[in-house]
């Protein structure tokens, strides 16, 4: 050993650390246990800190109304509808529900089992989720606003009746 290392060890022996070292010097298990304990604590703190930052960043959306359109399945559209019985509907459903659409005075449903969603920015506005190919049936309805009837979500099947196209009979002489 060099003279400098011996001098450093002598200085450590003269301090409190030196007193602890001489006290536990005969116990060979103390130093390795201490080093392993410190390493374990440091690794847990580093591991936990990284996970907390990841969870916090993933759970926090960029804005509270960030993209309702990202939840629309492929092939479907979110169609805003005017609701005639808004006060009743407001007290019956929360953000989501399953409904049937009727025209006032017509006992035949325009659409059945549609998923309805309340606008996050304006709670008095609603939209229904319909297949893109069948959205024209609701858009072309003659009478608006619609009467909305709430359905049981587990029993409702989505059906949009399509009116048969009138057939033409052409008679030529």
Protein backbone atom coordinates (compact mmCIF):
# COMPACT_ATOMS: atom_id res chain seq x y z
CA UNK A 1 0.00 0.00 0.00
CA UNK A 2 1.13 3.50 -0.69
CA UNK A 3 1.85 6.02 1.99
CA UNK A 4 -1.05 8.14 0.86
CA UNK A 5 -3.57 5.27 1.21
CA UNK A 6 -2.25 4.46 4.68
CA UNK A 7 -2.61 8.14 5.65
CA UNK A 8 -6.21 8.21 4.38
CA UNK A 9 -7.10 5.06 6.33
CA UNK A 10 -5.52 6.56 9.46
CA UNK A 11 -7.61 9.76 9.06
CA UNK A 12 -10.78 7.66 8.68
CA UNK A 13 -9.92 5.73 11.84
CA UNK A 14 -9.71 8.99 13.75
CA UNK A 15 -13.28 10.01 12.78
CA UNK A 16 -16.70 8.64 13.74
CA UNK A 17 -16.68 6.42 10.64
CA UNK A 18 -13.43 4.95 11.89
CA UNK A 19 -15.01 4.23 15.26
CA UNK A 20 -17.90 2.44 13.54
CA UNK A 21 -15.45 0.52 11.37
CA UNK A 22 -13.41 -0.69 14.27
CA UNK A 23 -16.56 -1.60 16.18
CA UNK A 24 -17.95 -3.74 13.35
CA UNK A 25 -14.60 -4.85 11.88
CA UNK A 26 -14.81 -8.25 13.45
CA UNK A 27 -18.30 -8.80 12.00
CA UNK A 28 -17.62 -9.73 8.38
CA UNK A 29 -21.28 -9.60 7.40
CA UNK A 30 -21.78 -5.91 8.20
CA UNK A 31 -20.13 -4.20 5.24
CA UNK A 32 -21.54 -6.43 2.45
CA UNK A 33 -25.01 -6.22 4.01
CA UNK A 34 -24.76 -2.44 4.20
CA UNK A 35 -23.65 -2.13 0.56
CA UNK A 36 -26.39 -4.50 -0.67
CA UNK A 37 -29.03 -2.61 1.34
CA UNK A 38 -28.00 0.76 -0.06
CA UNK A 39 -27.95 -0.63 -3.63
CA UNK A 40 -31.42 -2.13 -3.15
CA UNK A 41 -32.90 1.11 -1.86
CA UNK A 42 -31.37 3.14 -4.70
CA UNK A 43 -32.59 0.69 -7.36
CA UNK A 44 -36.15 0.72 -5.96
CA UNK A 45 -36.22 4.52 -5.94
CA UNK A 46 -34.94 4.74 -9.52
CA UNK A 47 -37.35 2.06 -10.76
CA UNK A 48 -40.40 3.61 -9.05
CA UNK A 49 -39.58 7.12 -10.22
CA UNK A 50 -39.50 6.06 -13.88
CA UNK A 51 -42.82 4.18 -13.67
CA UNK A 52 -44.63 7.01 -11.92
CA UNK A 53 -43.63 9.48 -14.62
CA UNK A 54 -44.83 7.10 -17.35
CA UNK A 55 -48.19 6.44 -15.71
CA UNK A 56 -48.80 10.12 -15.07
CA UNK A 57 -48.01 11.08 -18.66
CA UNK A 58 -50.23 8.32 -20.09
CA UNK A 59 -53.18 9.06 -17.80
CA UNK A 60 -53.18 12.79 -18.51
CA UNK A 61 -54.86 13.66 -21.84
CA UNK A 62 -53.65 16.72 -23.72
CA UNK A 63 -57.07 18.34 -23.25
CA UNK A 64 -60.30 17.26 -21.54
CA UNK A 65 -62.16 17.11 -24.86
CA UNK A 66 -59.33 15.68 -26.94
CA UNK A 67 -60.86 14.09 -29.96
CA UNK A 68 -64.22 12.41 -29.47
CA UNK A 69 -63.77 11.46 -33.12
CA UNK A 70 -60.98 9.06 -32.16
CA UNK A 71 -63.61 6.82 -30.54
CA UNK A 72 -65.72 6.41 -33.70
CA UNK A 73 -65.30 2.89 -35.14
CA UNK A 74 -64.37 2.45 -38.79
CA UNK A 75 -67.43 2.43 -41.03
CA UNK A 76 -69.58 4.40 -38.57
CA UNK A 77 -70.36 8.10 -38.28
CA UNK A 78 -71.41 10.24 -35.34
CA UNK A 79 -74.58 12.03 -36.44
CA UNK A 80 -75.85 15.03 -34.42
CA UNK A 81 -79.61 14.85 -33.80
CA UNK A 82 -82.20 17.27 -32.49
CA UNK A 83 -84.11 15.80 -29.56
CA UNK A 84 -87.72 16.82 -28.94
CA UNK A 85 -88.00 15.27 -25.46
CA UNK A 86 -84.70 16.72 -24.26
CA UNK A 87 -85.79 17.33 -20.63
CA UNK A 88 -86.92 13.72 -20.22
CA UNK A 89 -83.83 12.32 -21.90
CA UNK A 90 -81.58 14.56 -19.85
CA UNK A 91 -82.83 13.00 -16.62
CA UNK A 92 -82.65 9.41 -17.92
CA UNK A 93 -79.19 8.97 -19.41
CA UNK A 94 -75.69 10.12 -18.54
CA UNK A 95 -72.95 10.50 -21.15
CA UNK A 96 -73.95 7.39 -23.14
CA UNK A 97 -77.02 5.30 -23.82
CA UNK A 98 -78.91 3.16 -26.32
CA UNK A 99 -82.03 4.64 -27.92
CA UNK A 100 -84.68 4.31 -30.62
CA UNK A 101 -85.52 7.30 -32.83
CA UNK A 102 -89.11 8.15 -33.75
CA UNK A 103 -90.69 10.94 -35.74
CA UNK A 104 -93.43 12.75 -33.78
CA UNK A 105 -96.84 11.34 -34.71
CA UNK A 106 -95.39 8.24 -36.41
CA UNK A 107 -95.49 4.96 -34.42
CA UNK A 108 -92.81 3.35 -36.62
CA UNK A 109 -89.23 3.80 -35.47
CA UNK A 110 -86.79 5.42 -37.87
CA UNK A 111 -83.90 3.61 -36.18
CA UNK A 112 -83.60 1.15 -33.29
CA UNK A 113 -80.77 0.35 -30.91
CA UNK A 114 -78.57 3.33 -31.72
CA UNK A 115 -75.83 4.33 -29.34
CA UNK A 116 -76.31 7.94 -28.26
CA UNK A 117 -73.63 10.18 -26.81
CA UNK A 118 -73.97 13.51 -25.03
CA UNK A 119 -71.71 16.30 -26.25
CA UNK A 120 -68.90 16.94 -23.75
CA UNK A 121 -68.89 20.66 -24.56
CA UNK A 122 -72.67 21.23 -24.60
CA UNK A 123 -74.69 18.73 -22.51
CA UNK A 124 -77.94 19.64 -24.28
CA UNK A 125 -76.62 18.32 -27.62
CA UNK A 126 -76.70 14.62 -28.57
CA UNK A 127 -75.32 12.51 -31.40
CA UNK A 128 -76.04 8.95 -32.50
CA UNK A 129 -73.54 6.41 -33.78
CA UNK A 130 -74.78 4.92 -37.06
CA UNK A 131 -73.24 2.93 -39.90
CA UNK A 132 -72.04 5.29 -42.58
CA UNK A 133 -74.06 3.52 -45.26
CA UNK A 134 -77.33 4.01 -43.34
CA UNK A 135 -76.84 7.58 -42.10
CA UNK A 136 -78.78 9.01 -45.05
CA UNK A 137 -82.01 7.47 -43.68
CA UNK A 138 -81.79 9.61 -40.54
CA UNK A 139 -80.54 12.69 -42.38
CA UNK A 140 -83.38 12.54 -44.90
CA UNK A 141 -86.10 12.16 -42.24
CA UNK A 142 -88.88 14.64 -42.94
CA UNK A 143 -89.78 15.63 -39.39
CA UNK A 144 -87.21 16.85 -36.92
CA UNK A 145 -86.58 16.98 -33.94
CA UNK A 146 -86.81 13.28 -33.09
CA UNK A 147 -88.53 11.62 -30.16
CA UNK A 148 -85.94 9.52 -28.37
CA UNK A 149 -86.86 6.36 -26.46
CA UNK A 150 -84.25 4.86 -24.12
CA UNK A 151 -83.54 1.13 -24.54
CA UNK A 152 -81.81 -1.51 -22.43
CA UNK A 153 -78.21 -1.58 -23.73
CA UNK A 154 -77.86 -5.34 -23.31
CA UNK A 155 -81.00 -6.19 -25.32
CA UNK A 156 -80.92 -3.55 -28.05
CA UNK A 157 -80.01 -4.48 -31.61
CA UNK A 158 -79.14 -1.78 -34.09
CA UNK A 159 -81.65 -1.66 -36.93
CA UNK A 160 -82.30 1.12 -39.38
CA UNK A 161 -85.19 0.17 -41.66
CA UNK A 162 -84.63 1.10 -45.26
CA UNK A 163 -87.74 2.15 -47.16
CA UNK A 164 -88.27 0.04 -50.27
CA UNK A 165 -87.73 1.93 -53.49
CA UNK A 166 -90.91 2.31 -55.51
CA UNK A 167 -90.99 0.04 -58.50
CA UNK A 168 -92.02 1.30 -61.91
CA UNK A 169 -93.96 -0.60 -64.43
CA UNK A 170 -93.47 0.70 -67.91
CA UNK A 171 -95.91 -0.46 -70.58
CA UNK A 172 -94.94 0.18 -74.14
CA UNK A 173 -97.36 -0.10 -77.05
